[in-house]
N, C-alpha and C. Protein backbone atom coordinates (compact mmCIF):
# COMPACT_ATOMS: atom_id res chain seq x y z
N GLU A 1 72.41 119.79 110.11
CA GLU A 1 71.01 119.87 109.76
C GLU A 1 70.71 121.15 109.00
N VAL A 2 71.34 122.26 109.44
CA VAL A 2 71.11 123.53 108.75
C VAL A 2 71.66 123.46 107.33
N ALA A 3 72.89 122.90 107.18
CA ALA A 3 73.48 122.77 105.84
C ALA A 3 72.61 121.90 104.95
N SER A 4 72.07 120.80 105.51
CA SER A 4 71.21 119.91 104.75
C SER A 4 69.95 120.64 104.30
N MET A 5 69.36 121.42 105.18
CA MET A 5 68.16 122.16 104.84
C MET A 5 68.45 123.19 103.74
N LEU A 6 69.56 123.91 103.86
CA LEU A 6 69.92 124.90 102.85
C LEU A 6 70.19 124.22 101.50
N GLN A 7 70.83 123.07 101.54
CA GLN A 7 71.13 122.33 100.32
C GLN A 7 69.84 121.84 99.64
N GLU A 8 68.92 121.30 100.42
CA GLU A 8 67.66 120.81 99.87
C GLU A 8 66.86 121.91 99.21
N ASN A 9 66.99 123.14 99.70
CA ASN A 9 66.25 124.27 99.14
C ASN A 9 67.03 125.01 98.06
N GLY A 10 68.18 124.48 97.68
CA GLY A 10 68.95 125.09 96.60
C GLY A 10 69.68 126.36 96.99
N ILE A 11 69.79 126.64 98.27
CA ILE A 11 70.46 127.85 98.73
C ILE A 11 71.95 127.64 98.88
N LEU A 12 72.36 126.42 99.17
CA LEU A 12 73.76 126.10 99.41
C LEU A 12 74.12 124.84 98.65
N SER A 13 75.24 124.89 97.93
CA SER A 13 75.72 123.68 97.26
C SER A 13 77.19 123.49 97.60
N TYR A 14 77.58 122.24 97.67
CA TYR A 14 78.96 121.91 98.05
C TYR A 14 79.96 122.50 97.06
N GLU A 15 79.66 122.39 95.79
CA GLU A 15 80.60 122.80 94.75
C GLU A 15 81.00 124.27 94.85
N THR A 16 80.10 125.12 95.30
CA THR A 16 80.39 126.55 95.33
C THR A 16 80.93 127.01 96.69
N THR A 17 81.13 126.08 97.61
CA THR A 17 81.69 126.43 98.91
C THR A 17 83.13 126.89 98.73
N ILE A 18 83.46 128.05 99.25
CA ILE A 18 84.82 128.60 99.14
C ILE A 18 85.73 127.89 100.14
N LEU A 19 86.93 127.55 99.70
CA LEU A 19 87.94 126.93 100.57
C LEU A 19 88.91 128.02 101.02
N PRO A 20 88.70 128.61 102.20
CA PRO A 20 89.50 129.77 102.62
C PRO A 20 90.98 129.46 102.84
N ASN A 21 91.34 128.20 103.02
CA ASN A 21 92.75 127.85 103.22
C ASN A 21 93.46 127.53 101.92
N ALA A 22 92.73 127.54 100.81
CA ALA A 22 93.32 127.28 99.49
C ALA A 22 93.46 128.59 98.74
N TYR A 23 94.43 128.64 97.86
CA TYR A 23 94.70 129.86 97.10
C TYR A 23 94.72 129.56 95.61
N ILE A 24 94.68 130.58 94.81
CA ILE A 24 94.65 130.43 93.36
C ILE A 24 95.80 129.55 92.88
N ASP A 25 96.97 129.68 93.48
CA ASP A 25 98.13 128.88 93.07
C ASP A 25 97.97 127.39 93.37
N ASP A 26 96.96 127.01 94.14
CA ASP A 26 96.71 125.60 94.43
C ASP A 26 95.94 124.92 93.30
N LEU A 27 95.58 125.70 92.28
CA LEU A 27 94.91 125.14 91.11
C LEU A 27 95.93 124.86 90.01
N ASP A 28 95.66 123.86 89.20
CA ASP A 28 96.53 123.45 88.10
C ASP A 28 96.16 124.28 86.86
N PHE A 29 96.96 125.32 86.59
CA PHE A 29 96.64 126.23 85.50
C PHE A 29 96.78 125.58 84.13
N THR A 30 97.65 124.61 84.00
CA THR A 30 97.78 123.88 82.74
C THR A 30 96.47 123.18 82.42
N LEU A 31 95.89 122.56 83.43
CA LEU A 31 94.62 121.86 83.26
C LEU A 31 93.49 122.86 82.98
N ILE A 32 93.48 123.97 83.68
CA ILE A 32 92.45 125.00 83.46
C ILE A 32 92.54 125.53 82.03
N LYS A 33 93.76 125.83 81.57
CA LYS A 33 93.94 126.35 80.21
C LYS A 33 93.51 125.33 79.16
N LYS A 34 93.61 124.05 79.49
CA LYS A 34 93.19 123.00 78.57
C LYS A 34 91.68 123.04 78.34
N TYR A 35 90.92 123.42 79.37
CA TYR A 35 89.46 123.40 79.28
C TYR A 35 88.83 124.76 78.99
N PHE A 36 89.54 125.83 79.25
CA PHE A 36 88.97 127.16 79.07
C PHE A 36 89.88 128.01 78.19
N SER A 37 89.29 129.00 77.55
CA SER A 37 90.06 129.93 76.72
C SER A 37 90.66 131.02 77.61
N ILE A 38 91.67 130.62 78.36
CA ILE A 38 92.34 131.56 79.26
C ILE A 38 93.64 131.96 78.58
N ASP A 39 93.85 133.23 78.46
CA ASP A 39 95.07 133.69 77.82
C ASP A 39 96.03 134.25 78.86
N SER A 40 97.26 134.31 78.52
CA SER A 40 98.33 134.91 79.33
C SER A 40 98.30 134.52 80.80
N GLU A 41 98.46 135.49 81.64
CA GLU A 41 98.57 135.30 83.10
C GLU A 41 97.22 134.88 83.69
N ILE A 42 97.22 133.77 84.41
CA ILE A 42 95.98 133.23 84.96
C ILE A 42 95.37 134.18 85.98
N SER A 43 96.20 134.95 86.66
CA SER A 43 95.68 135.83 87.71
C SER A 43 95.31 137.21 87.19
N SER A 44 95.19 137.38 85.86
CA SER A 44 94.72 138.67 85.34
C SER A 44 93.26 138.86 85.76
N LYS A 45 92.84 140.09 85.85
CA LYS A 45 91.47 140.40 86.29
C LYS A 45 90.43 139.71 85.40
N LYS A 46 90.67 139.72 84.09
CA LYS A 46 89.74 139.08 83.15
C LYS A 46 89.61 137.59 83.44
N ASN A 47 90.74 136.92 83.62
CA ASN A 47 90.72 135.48 83.86
C ASN A 47 90.12 135.13 85.22
N ILE A 48 90.39 135.96 86.21
CA ILE A 48 89.79 135.75 87.54
C ILE A 48 88.27 135.81 87.42
N LEU A 49 87.77 136.78 86.66
CA LEU A 49 86.32 136.92 86.49
C LEU A 49 85.73 135.72 85.74
N ILE A 50 86.46 135.20 84.74
CA ILE A 50 86.00 134.01 84.02
C ILE A 50 85.92 132.83 84.97
N LEU A 51 86.98 132.63 85.78
CA LEU A 51 87.00 131.51 86.72
C LEU A 51 85.93 131.66 87.80
N GLU A 52 85.66 132.89 88.20
CA GLU A 52 84.59 133.12 89.17
C GLU A 52 83.23 132.81 88.54
N ALA A 53 83.02 133.25 87.32
CA ALA A 53 81.75 133.00 86.64
C ALA A 53 81.53 131.50 86.42
N MET A 54 82.60 130.74 86.24
CA MET A 54 82.50 129.29 86.04
C MET A 54 82.37 128.54 87.37
N GLY A 55 82.50 129.24 88.50
CA GLY A 55 82.36 128.61 89.80
C GLY A 55 83.64 127.94 90.30
N ILE A 56 84.75 128.20 89.66
CA ILE A 56 86.03 127.61 90.06
C ILE A 56 86.66 128.41 91.18
N LEU A 57 86.43 129.71 91.17
CA LEU A 57 86.89 130.59 92.24
C LEU A 57 85.68 131.26 92.88
N GLY A 58 85.84 131.63 94.13
CA GLY A 58 84.82 132.39 94.84
C GLY A 58 85.50 133.52 95.58
N ARG A 59 84.77 134.56 95.82
CA ARG A 59 85.35 135.74 96.48
C ARG A 59 84.97 135.76 97.95
N ASP A 60 86.00 135.85 98.78
CA ASP A 60 85.80 136.02 100.22
C ASP A 60 85.52 137.51 100.43
N MET A 61 84.27 137.85 100.69
CA MET A 61 83.87 139.26 100.77
C MET A 61 84.52 139.99 101.94
N GLU A 62 84.78 139.29 103.04
CA GLU A 62 85.39 139.95 104.20
C GLU A 62 86.80 140.43 103.91
N ARG A 63 87.57 139.60 103.20
CA ARG A 63 88.97 139.93 102.93
C ARG A 63 89.19 140.43 101.51
N SER A 64 88.16 140.37 100.69
CA SER A 64 88.24 140.75 99.28
C SER A 64 89.33 139.96 98.56
N GLU A 65 89.36 138.64 98.83
CA GLU A 65 90.32 137.75 98.19
C GLU A 65 89.56 136.66 97.44
N TYR A 66 90.21 136.09 96.45
CA TYR A 66 89.64 134.97 95.72
C TYR A 66 90.28 133.68 96.19
N HIS A 67 89.45 132.67 96.34
CA HIS A 67 89.90 131.34 96.75
C HIS A 67 89.21 130.31 95.85
N PRO A 68 89.84 129.15 95.66
CA PRO A 68 89.15 128.09 94.92
C PRO A 68 87.89 127.65 95.66
N THR A 69 86.92 127.23 94.89
CA THR A 69 85.72 126.61 95.47
C THR A 69 86.00 125.11 95.59
N ALA A 70 85.14 124.42 96.32
CA ALA A 70 85.30 122.96 96.42
C ALA A 70 85.21 122.33 95.04
N GLY A 71 84.29 122.79 94.21
CA GLY A 71 84.16 122.27 92.85
C GLY A 71 85.40 122.55 92.02
N GLY A 72 85.93 123.77 92.14
CA GLY A 72 87.16 124.11 91.41
C GLY A 72 88.32 123.25 91.85
N MET A 73 88.44 123.01 93.14
CA MET A 73 89.53 122.18 93.67
C MET A 73 89.35 120.73 93.24
N LEU A 74 88.11 120.23 93.26
CA LEU A 74 87.87 118.85 92.84
C LEU A 74 88.24 118.63 91.37
N LEU A 75 87.99 119.61 90.54
CA LEU A 75 88.27 119.45 89.11
C LEU A 75 89.68 119.85 88.71
N PHE A 76 90.23 120.89 89.35
CA PHE A 76 91.48 121.47 88.87
C PHE A 76 92.55 121.60 89.95
N GLY A 77 92.37 121.01 91.12
CA GLY A 77 93.34 121.16 92.21
C GLY A 77 94.63 120.41 91.95
N LYS A 78 95.73 120.97 92.45
CA LYS A 78 97.03 120.29 92.37
C LYS A 78 97.13 119.21 93.44
N ASN A 79 96.82 119.55 94.66
CA ASN A 79 96.88 118.63 95.80
C ASN A 79 95.53 118.64 96.50
N THR A 80 94.54 118.15 95.80
CA THR A 80 93.15 118.25 96.24
C THR A 80 92.92 117.75 97.65
N GLN A 81 93.52 116.61 98.00
CA GLN A 81 93.25 116.01 99.31
C GLN A 81 93.88 116.79 100.46
N ASN A 82 94.76 117.75 100.19
CA ASN A 82 95.25 118.63 101.25
C ASN A 82 94.11 119.51 101.78
N PHE A 83 93.13 119.78 100.94
CA PHE A 83 92.02 120.66 101.31
C PHE A 83 90.71 119.91 101.47
N LEU A 84 90.57 118.79 100.76
CA LEU A 84 89.37 117.96 100.81
C LEU A 84 89.82 116.52 101.04
N PRO A 85 90.20 116.19 102.28
CA PRO A 85 90.89 114.92 102.54
C PRO A 85 90.11 113.65 102.25
N SER A 86 88.82 113.66 102.25
CA SER A 86 88.06 112.41 102.08
C SER A 86 87.55 112.22 100.65
N THR A 87 88.23 112.82 99.69
CA THR A 87 87.74 112.77 98.31
C THR A 87 88.53 111.81 97.42
N GLY A 88 89.36 110.95 97.99
CA GLY A 88 90.13 109.99 97.21
C GLY A 88 89.31 108.78 96.83
N ILE A 89 89.98 107.86 96.14
CA ILE A 89 89.35 106.60 95.73
C ILE A 89 90.25 105.46 96.21
N ASN A 90 89.65 104.46 96.85
CA ASN A 90 90.37 103.27 97.28
C ASN A 90 89.95 102.10 96.41
N ILE A 91 90.94 101.30 95.99
CA ILE A 91 90.65 100.08 95.25
C ILE A 91 91.23 98.92 96.04
N ASP A 92 90.36 98.01 96.47
CA ASP A 92 90.77 96.80 97.19
C ASP A 92 90.79 95.64 96.21
N TYR A 93 91.98 95.04 96.03
CA TYR A 93 92.14 93.95 95.07
C TYR A 93 93.31 93.08 95.49
N ASN A 94 93.11 91.76 95.48
CA ASN A 94 94.16 90.81 95.88
C ASN A 94 94.74 91.13 97.26
N LYS A 95 93.86 91.44 98.19
CA LYS A 95 94.25 91.73 99.58
C LYS A 95 95.18 92.93 99.70
N LYS A 96 95.14 93.82 98.72
CA LYS A 96 95.89 95.07 98.75
C LYS A 96 94.91 96.23 98.61
N ARG A 97 95.30 97.35 99.17
CA ARG A 97 94.51 98.57 98.98
C ARG A 97 95.38 99.57 98.21
N ILE A 98 94.84 100.02 97.11
CA ILE A 98 95.49 101.07 96.32
C ILE A 98 94.72 102.35 96.60
N HIS A 99 95.42 103.37 97.07
CA HIS A 99 94.79 104.65 97.39
C HIS A 99 95.14 105.65 96.29
N ILE A 100 94.11 106.22 95.69
CA ILE A 100 94.31 107.17 94.59
C ILE A 100 93.91 108.56 95.08
N GLU A 101 94.79 109.51 94.85
CA GLU A 101 94.52 110.90 95.20
C GLU A 101 94.71 111.77 93.96
N GLY A 102 94.22 112.99 94.04
CA GLY A 102 94.36 113.95 92.96
C GLY A 102 93.04 114.61 92.68
N ASN A 103 92.98 115.35 91.57
CA ASN A 103 91.71 115.94 91.17
C ASN A 103 90.87 114.86 90.48
N ILE A 104 89.63 115.13 90.25
CA ILE A 104 88.72 114.11 89.70
C ILE A 104 89.21 113.55 88.36
N PRO A 105 89.60 114.38 87.40
CA PRO A 105 90.06 113.77 86.13
C PRO A 105 91.25 112.83 86.30
N SER A 106 92.23 113.20 87.11
CA SER A 106 93.40 112.33 87.29
C SER A 106 93.05 111.07 88.07
N MET A 107 92.18 111.19 89.09
CA MET A 107 91.78 110.00 89.84
C MET A 107 91.00 109.02 88.96
N LEU A 108 90.12 109.54 88.11
CA LEU A 108 89.36 108.66 87.23
C LEU A 108 90.28 107.97 86.22
N ASP A 109 91.24 108.70 85.68
CA ASP A 109 92.20 108.08 84.75
C ASP A 109 92.97 106.96 85.44
N ASN A 110 93.46 107.22 86.64
CA ASN A 110 94.23 106.20 87.38
C ASN A 110 93.36 105.00 87.75
N ALA A 111 92.16 105.27 88.25
CA ALA A 111 91.26 104.17 88.64
C ALA A 111 90.87 103.34 87.42
N GLU A 112 90.60 103.99 86.31
CA GLU A 112 90.23 103.27 85.09
C GLU A 112 91.37 102.35 84.64
N ASN A 113 92.60 102.84 84.67
CA ASN A 113 93.75 102.01 84.29
C ASN A 113 93.89 100.80 85.20
N ILE A 114 93.71 101.02 86.51
CA ILE A 114 93.82 99.90 87.46
C ILE A 114 92.71 98.88 87.23
N LEU A 115 91.49 99.35 87.00
CA LEU A 115 90.37 98.43 86.76
C LEU A 115 90.58 97.64 85.47
N ILE A 116 91.03 98.29 84.43
CA ILE A 116 91.27 97.60 83.15
C ILE A 116 92.31 96.51 83.33
N ASN A 117 93.34 96.79 84.11
CA ASN A 117 94.41 95.81 84.32
C ASN A 117 94.07 94.76 85.37
N SER A 118 93.07 95.01 86.21
CA SER A 118 92.73 94.08 87.29
C SER A 118 91.65 93.09 86.91
N ILE A 119 90.72 93.51 86.08
CA ILE A 119 89.62 92.63 85.69
C ILE A 119 90.07 91.84 84.47
N LYS A 120 90.37 90.58 84.71
CA LYS A 120 90.99 89.73 83.68
C LYS A 120 90.00 89.12 82.71
N ASN A 121 88.76 88.89 83.14
CA ASN A 121 87.77 88.27 82.28
C ASN A 121 87.32 89.29 81.23
N LYS A 122 87.67 89.04 79.99
CA LYS A 122 87.36 89.97 78.89
C LYS A 122 85.86 90.02 78.58
N ASN A 123 85.09 89.04 79.07
CA ASN A 123 83.64 89.05 78.86
C ASN A 123 82.91 89.85 79.94
N TYR A 124 83.63 90.27 80.97
CA TYR A 124 83.00 91.04 82.04
C TYR A 124 82.66 92.44 81.52
N PRO A 125 81.51 92.97 81.84
CA PRO A 125 81.09 94.27 81.29
C PRO A 125 81.85 95.44 81.95
N LEU A 126 83.10 95.58 81.59
CA LEU A 126 83.95 96.61 82.18
C LEU A 126 83.39 98.02 81.96
N ASN A 127 82.78 98.24 80.80
CA ASN A 127 82.20 99.56 80.53
C ASN A 127 81.12 99.93 81.55
N ILE A 128 80.39 98.93 82.05
CA ILE A 128 79.35 99.19 83.06
C ILE A 128 80.00 99.53 84.40
N VAL A 129 81.08 98.84 84.74
CA VAL A 129 81.80 99.13 85.98
C VAL A 129 82.37 100.54 85.93
N LEU A 130 82.95 100.92 84.80
CA LEU A 130 83.51 102.26 84.66
C LEU A 130 82.42 103.33 84.74
N GLU A 131 81.28 103.07 84.12
CA GLU A 131 80.16 104.00 84.21
C GLU A 131 79.68 104.15 85.65
N ALA A 132 79.64 103.05 86.38
CA ALA A 132 79.25 103.11 87.79
C ALA A 132 80.27 103.91 88.61
N LEU A 133 81.55 103.76 88.29
CA LEU A 133 82.58 104.56 88.96
C LEU A 133 82.38 106.03 88.68
N TYR A 134 82.17 106.40 87.42
CA TYR A 134 81.96 107.82 87.08
C TYR A 134 80.74 108.37 87.80
N ASN A 135 79.67 107.57 87.85
CA ASN A 135 78.47 108.00 88.56
C ASN A 135 78.73 108.15 90.06
N ALA A 136 79.52 107.25 90.62
CA ALA A 136 79.85 107.34 92.05
C ALA A 136 80.59 108.64 92.35
N VAL A 137 81.51 109.00 91.49
CA VAL A 137 82.29 110.24 91.70
C VAL A 137 81.39 111.46 91.54
N VAL A 138 80.56 111.46 90.52
CA VAL A 138 79.71 112.62 90.26
C VAL A 138 78.60 112.77 91.30
N HIS A 139 78.02 111.65 91.73
CA HIS A 139 76.84 111.72 92.60
C HIS A 139 77.12 111.45 94.07
N ARG A 140 78.39 111.33 94.44
CA ARG A 140 78.68 111.05 95.85
C ARG A 140 78.27 112.24 96.72
N ASP A 141 78.09 111.98 97.97
CA ASP A 141 77.74 113.03 98.92
C ASP A 141 79.03 113.65 99.43
N TYR A 142 79.44 114.75 98.83
CA TYR A 142 80.69 115.39 99.22
C TYR A 142 80.60 116.07 100.58
N TRP A 143 79.40 116.27 101.10
CA TRP A 143 79.26 116.79 102.45
C TRP A 143 79.73 115.76 103.48
N ASP A 144 79.66 114.48 103.12
CA ASP A 144 80.10 113.41 104.01
C ASP A 144 81.62 113.30 103.91
N ASN A 145 82.31 113.82 104.90
CA ASN A 145 83.78 113.80 104.85
C ASN A 145 84.37 112.70 105.73
N THR A 146 83.59 111.64 105.96
CA THR A 146 84.06 110.56 106.83
C THR A 146 84.57 109.35 106.05
N ARG A 147 84.28 109.27 104.76
CA ARG A 147 84.73 108.12 104.00
C ARG A 147 84.93 108.48 102.54
N GLU A 148 85.68 107.61 101.85
CA GLU A 148 85.99 107.83 100.45
C GLU A 148 85.26 106.78 99.61
N ILE A 149 85.31 106.96 98.31
CA ILE A 149 84.78 105.94 97.40
C ILE A 149 85.70 104.73 97.50
N THR A 150 85.11 103.55 97.60
CA THR A 150 85.88 102.31 97.67
C THR A 150 85.37 101.34 96.62
N ILE A 151 86.31 100.78 95.87
CA ILE A 151 85.99 99.76 94.87
C ILE A 151 86.60 98.46 95.37
N ARG A 152 85.77 97.42 95.49
CA ARG A 152 86.25 96.10 95.88
C ARG A 152 86.15 95.17 94.68
N ILE A 153 87.27 94.60 94.30
CA ILE A 153 87.29 93.66 93.18
C ILE A 153 87.51 92.28 93.77
N GLU A 154 86.52 91.41 93.61
CA GLU A 154 86.59 90.04 94.11
C GLU A 154 86.33 89.09 92.94
N PRO A 155 86.62 87.80 93.11
CA PRO A 155 86.48 86.87 91.99
C PRO A 155 85.12 86.89 91.30
N LYS A 156 84.05 87.08 92.04
CA LYS A 156 82.72 87.04 91.43
C LYS A 156 81.94 88.34 91.59
N MET A 157 82.65 89.42 91.93
CA MET A 157 81.91 90.63 92.22
C MET A 157 82.82 91.86 92.13
N VAL A 158 82.25 92.94 91.66
CA VAL A 158 82.85 94.26 91.78
C VAL A 158 81.85 95.10 92.54
N GLU A 159 82.31 95.72 93.61
CA GLU A 159 81.43 96.53 94.44
C GLU A 159 82.00 97.93 94.52
N ILE A 160 81.17 98.92 94.28
CA ILE A 160 81.58 100.32 94.39
C ILE A 160 80.76 100.93 95.51
N GLU A 161 81.46 101.34 96.55
CA GLU A 161 80.80 101.97 97.70
C GLU A 161 81.14 103.45 97.68
N ASN A 162 80.11 104.23 97.82
CA ASN A 162 80.25 105.66 97.65
C ASN A 162 79.45 106.35 98.75
N PRO A 163 80.03 107.36 99.39
CA PRO A 163 79.24 108.09 100.38
C PRO A 163 77.94 108.58 99.75
N GLY A 164 76.85 108.02 100.18
CA GLY A 164 75.55 108.40 99.67
C GLY A 164 74.84 107.30 98.90
N ALA A 165 75.57 106.28 98.41
CA ALA A 165 74.91 105.22 97.64
C ALA A 165 75.80 103.98 97.58
N VAL A 166 75.19 102.85 97.30
CA VAL A 166 75.93 101.60 97.10
C VAL A 166 75.48 100.98 95.79
N TRP A 167 76.43 100.54 94.99
CA TRP A 167 76.14 99.85 93.74
C TRP A 167 76.84 98.53 93.74
N ARG A 168 76.19 97.47 93.35
CA ARG A 168 76.81 96.15 93.34
C ARG A 168 76.42 95.42 92.06
N ASN A 169 77.41 94.80 91.45
CA ASN A 169 77.18 93.97 90.28
C ASN A 169 77.84 92.64 90.52
N GLU A 170 77.07 91.58 90.54
CA GLU A 170 77.64 90.26 90.78
C GLU A 170 77.66 89.48 89.48
N GLY A 171 78.78 88.84 89.23
CA GLY A 171 78.95 88.03 88.03
C GLY A 171 80.39 87.57 87.98
N ILE A 172 80.69 86.75 87.05
CA ILE A 172 82.05 86.20 86.93
C ILE A 172 82.96 87.24 86.33
N ILE A 173 84.08 87.51 86.99
CA ILE A 173 85.05 88.48 86.47
C ILE A 173 86.07 87.77 85.63
């Protein structure tokens, strides 16, 4: 209740929460360098300050150490689910469950490939399903660590269930 109150008032956000059990080496520096103008050694003071300013790292004031934030881990983590276990994506199709783990960009790439290959009807609005998936990932309630995003693909329906919201589109696949 306290966390919810702080969040509603803009004092606390999930993305900036420091993960004290994660370390700078748990981030994928190749991916970070792809998105930011980071030169040389990632752990240089200049680069640490850039990553802190971007909200990817946070400083533990008690120990004077830097740790990834939840947002940094979600976007650039190597083994994201080791630190944020309920952030994967499940796809239920043909009585099978495919479990996708990783950082958000890699999970979205994998889920998109599976959806493209699973939805056989070329007239089905796949772009709308993909947009709903992206929205589910972006707008999910990351404070809810009891469930993951689940996509159910059935003959006449694609359902995306997300902690915090439900989206359903019924039609012929």
